[in-house]
Protein backbone atom coordinates (compact mmCIF):
# COMPACT_ATOMS: atom_id res chain seq x y z
CA MET A 1 -97.97 -17.97 -51.81
CA VAL A 2 -96.57 -18.84 -48.68
CA VAL A 3 -96.28 -16.33 -45.77
CA ARG A 4 -93.63 -16.80 -42.69
CA LEU A 5 -94.81 -15.52 -39.38
CA ARG A 6 -92.40 -13.89 -37.45
CA SER A 7 -91.86 -16.09 -34.17
CA LEU A 8 -93.99 -15.35 -31.09
CA ARG A 9 -91.05 -16.27 -28.71
CA GLY A 10 -90.11 -12.52 -27.84
CA LEU A 11 -93.49 -11.35 -26.97
CA ARG A 12 -94.56 -13.58 -24.12
CA ARG A 13 -96.16 -11.63 -21.78
CA ARG A 14 -94.38 -11.72 -18.59
CA ARG A 15 -96.49 -13.31 -15.25
CA ARG A 16 -97.20 -10.40 -12.96
CA VAL A 17 -96.14 -10.88 -9.45
CA GLN A 18 -98.34 -9.51 -6.82
CA SER A 19 -97.03 -7.51 -3.94
CA ARG A 20 -98.01 -9.53 -0.65
CA THR A 21 -97.87 -5.98 0.75
CA VAL A 22 -99.55 -2.75 0.36
CA SER A 23 -97.62 0.55 -0.29
CA PRO A 24 -98.13 3.23 2.21
CA ALA A 25 -98.78 5.21 -0.95
CA MET A 26 -101.88 2.97 -1.77
CA GLY A 27 -103.29 3.89 1.66
CA GLY A 28 -101.74 0.28 3.33
CA ALA A 29 -99.61 -0.53 5.95
CA PRO A 30 -96.01 0.72 5.45
CA ARG A 31 -93.75 -2.42 4.09
CA LYS A 32 -91.49 -4.18 6.91
CA LYS A 33 -87.87 -3.94 6.27
CA ARG A 34 -86.18 -7.10 6.24
CA SER A 35 -83.52 -7.40 9.00
CA THR A 36 -81.41 -10.45 10.56
CA GLU A 37 -80.17 -11.34 13.54
CA GLU A 38 -76.45 -9.82 13.12
CA HIS A 39 -77.75 -6.74 11.59
CA ASP A 40 -80.36 -5.92 14.40
CA ALA A 41 -77.54 -6.54 16.99
CA GLN A 42 -74.62 -4.57 15.06
CA VAL A 43 -76.93 -0.86 14.86
CA ALA A 44 -77.72 -1.98 18.95
CA LEU A 45 -73.99 -2.25 19.48
CA PHE A 46 -73.34 1.00 17.59
CA ARG A 47 -76.43 2.95 19.11
CA GLU A 48 -76.29 1.93 22.57
CA HIS A 49 -72.28 1.23 23.54
CA ILE A 50 -69.72 2.35 20.56
CA VAL A 51 -71.58 5.84 20.05
CA PRO A 52 -71.59 6.69 23.66
CA ARG A 53 -69.11 4.81 25.22
CA LEU A 54 -65.89 4.76 23.05
CA HIS A 55 -62.81 6.63 23.84
CA ALA A 56 -62.99 10.12 22.83
CA ASP A 57 -59.87 9.65 20.50
CA ALA A 58 -61.26 6.15 18.70
CA VAL A 59 -62.49 5.96 15.34
CA ALA A 60 -65.10 3.37 14.62
CA PHE A 61 -66.98 2.21 11.66
CA ALA A 62 -68.87 -0.01 9.89
CA VAL A 63 -67.56 -1.84 6.68
CA PRO A 64 -70.18 -2.37 4.50
CA ASN A 65 -69.11 -5.64 2.66
CA GLY A 66 -71.88 -8.14 3.34
CA GLY A 67 -75.31 -8.03 2.19
CA HIS A 68 -76.85 -9.77 -1.13
CA ARG A 69 -75.98 -7.52 -4.19
CA ALA A 70 -76.53 -7.74 -7.91
CA LYS A 71 -73.49 -9.03 -10.07
CA ARG A 72 -72.85 -5.70 -11.43
CA GLU A 73 -72.77 -4.22 -8.12
CA ALA A 74 -71.03 -6.69 -6.44
CA ILE A 75 -68.07 -6.09 -9.71
CA LYS A 76 -68.19 -2.70 -9.36
CA ILE A 77 -67.15 -2.83 -5.53
CA ARG A 78 -64.63 -5.69 -6.12
CA ASP A 79 -63.19 -3.14 -8.84
CA GLU A 80 -63.03 -0.15 -6.10
CA GLY A 81 -60.96 -2.62 -4.00
CA GLY A 82 -63.13 -4.40 -1.50
CA SER A 83 -62.44 -8.03 -0.73
CA ALA A 84 -64.27 -10.68 0.54
CA GLY A 85 -63.85 -11.70 4.65
CA VAL A 86 -63.16 -8.17 6.14
CA PRO A 87 -64.85 -8.19 9.59
CA ASP A 88 -67.80 -5.96 10.22
CA ILE A 89 -66.59 -3.35 12.72
CA CYS A 90 -63.22 -1.50 12.42
CA ILE A 91 -62.08 0.33 16.03
CA ILE A 92 -58.51 2.29 15.61
CA TRP A 93 -57.22 3.77 19.17
CA ARG A 94 -53.66 4.80 20.05
CA GLY A 95 -52.22 3.21 17.03
CA VAL A 96 -53.95 -0.22 17.26
CA THR A 97 -56.51 -1.59 14.83
CA TYR A 98 -59.36 -3.62 15.87
CA PHE A 99 -61.48 -5.55 13.64
CA LEU A 100 -64.44 -7.47 15.29
CA GLU A 101 -66.69 -9.86 12.84
CA MET A 102 -70.23 -9.73 14.62
CA LYS A 103 -72.29 -13.33 13.80
CA ALA A 104 -75.73 -14.18 14.86
CA LEU A 105 -75.52 -16.50 17.80
CA LYS A 106 -75.62 -20.04 15.64
CA GLY A 107 -73.63 -18.52 12.80
CA ARG A 108 -70.31 -19.42 11.19
CA VAL A 109 -67.26 -17.99 10.09
CA ARG A 110 -66.87 -18.21 6.45
CA PRO A 111 -63.67 -19.55 4.95
CA ALA A 112 -62.79 -16.04 3.40
CA GLN A 113 -63.29 -14.57 6.71
CA HIS A 114 -60.97 -16.60 8.67
CA VAL A 115 -58.28 -16.30 5.54
CA MET A 116 -58.95 -12.54 5.89
CA MET A 117 -58.44 -12.51 9.58
CA ALA A 118 -55.50 -14.45 9.22
CA ARG A 119 -53.85 -11.68 6.86
CA LEU A 120 -54.97 -8.51 9.22
CA ARG A 121 -53.41 -10.48 12.28
CA GLY A 122 -50.35 -10.73 10.27
CA ALA A 123 -50.16 -6.90 9.69
CA GLY A 124 -50.52 -6.17 13.07
CA ALA A 125 -54.28 -5.90 13.70
CA ILE A 126 -55.98 -7.26 16.37
CA CYS A 127 -59.36 -9.24 15.39
CA ALA A 128 -61.99 -10.91 17.09
CA VAL A 129 -65.23 -12.84 16.77
CA ALA A 130 -68.57 -12.23 18.40
CA LYS A 131 -71.54 -14.30 18.47
CA GLY A 132 -74.34 -11.82 19.57
CA LEU A 133 -74.75 -8.13 21.13
CA HIS A 134 -73.23 -9.40 24.23
CA GLU A 135 -70.25 -11.40 23.31
CA ALA A 136 -69.42 -8.21 21.18
CA ILE A 137 -69.79 -5.73 24.30
CA ALA A 138 -67.70 -8.44 26.45
CA GLN A 139 -64.94 -8.07 23.53
CA LEU A 140 -65.11 -4.21 23.43
CA GLU A 141 -64.59 -4.13 26.92
CA LYS A 142 -61.92 -6.93 27.31
CA TRP A 143 -59.87 -4.87 24.52
CA GLY A 144 -60.45 -1.46 26.96
CA LEU A 145 -62.38 0.53 23.96
CA LEU A 146 -65.05 1.42 25.97
CA ARG A 147 -65.79 3.42 28.80
CA PRO A 148 -67.58 2.58 31.88
CA ALA A 149 -71.21 2.54 31.82
CA GLY A 150 -73.19 5.08 33.24
CA GLU A 151 -70.18 7.31 33.22
CA ASP A 152 -71.28 10.45 31.86
CA THR A 153 -70.06 11.25 28.07
CA GLY A 154 -72.97 13.01 26.62
CA ALA A 155 -73.43 12.38 22.88
CA ARG A 156 -71.24 12.49 20.10
CA GLU A 157 -71.45 11.32 16.61
CA ILE A 158 -68.79 8.63 14.99
CA ALA A 159 -67.66 10.04 11.51
CA ALA A 160 -68.25 6.62 8.92
């Protein structure tokens, strides 16, 4: 009598990857959030310059287009109309649309970003690339979008 055994291939145990940090719930230190130079500069630009200094009749928002996503999430965003290469920050003021792409100091503009900025310029928008926080501030001041520093503006929110 011959007995056939099922393949054990599907029954392999998965190796457990141990976490390098301990969660706060287990009494350890809180996990540090991953951040990048570009992200930190954009957060600082909004918090310290755009929110307090942007003209009251201007609208500013960030375009959540970058970052690494799961394949399913990327497909979902594409199906909803998301496009590759859209600049990070959009500001509309007095009928003119401005786009600012922020890069790290050593960052490069991707080909899809060059193509999208050319399309936006063709549609009448004004586009620029800024490497780092200081270039971004200088560009917004050059466009006249920020009120002079030190002017009493009061706190206000920007709807995204």
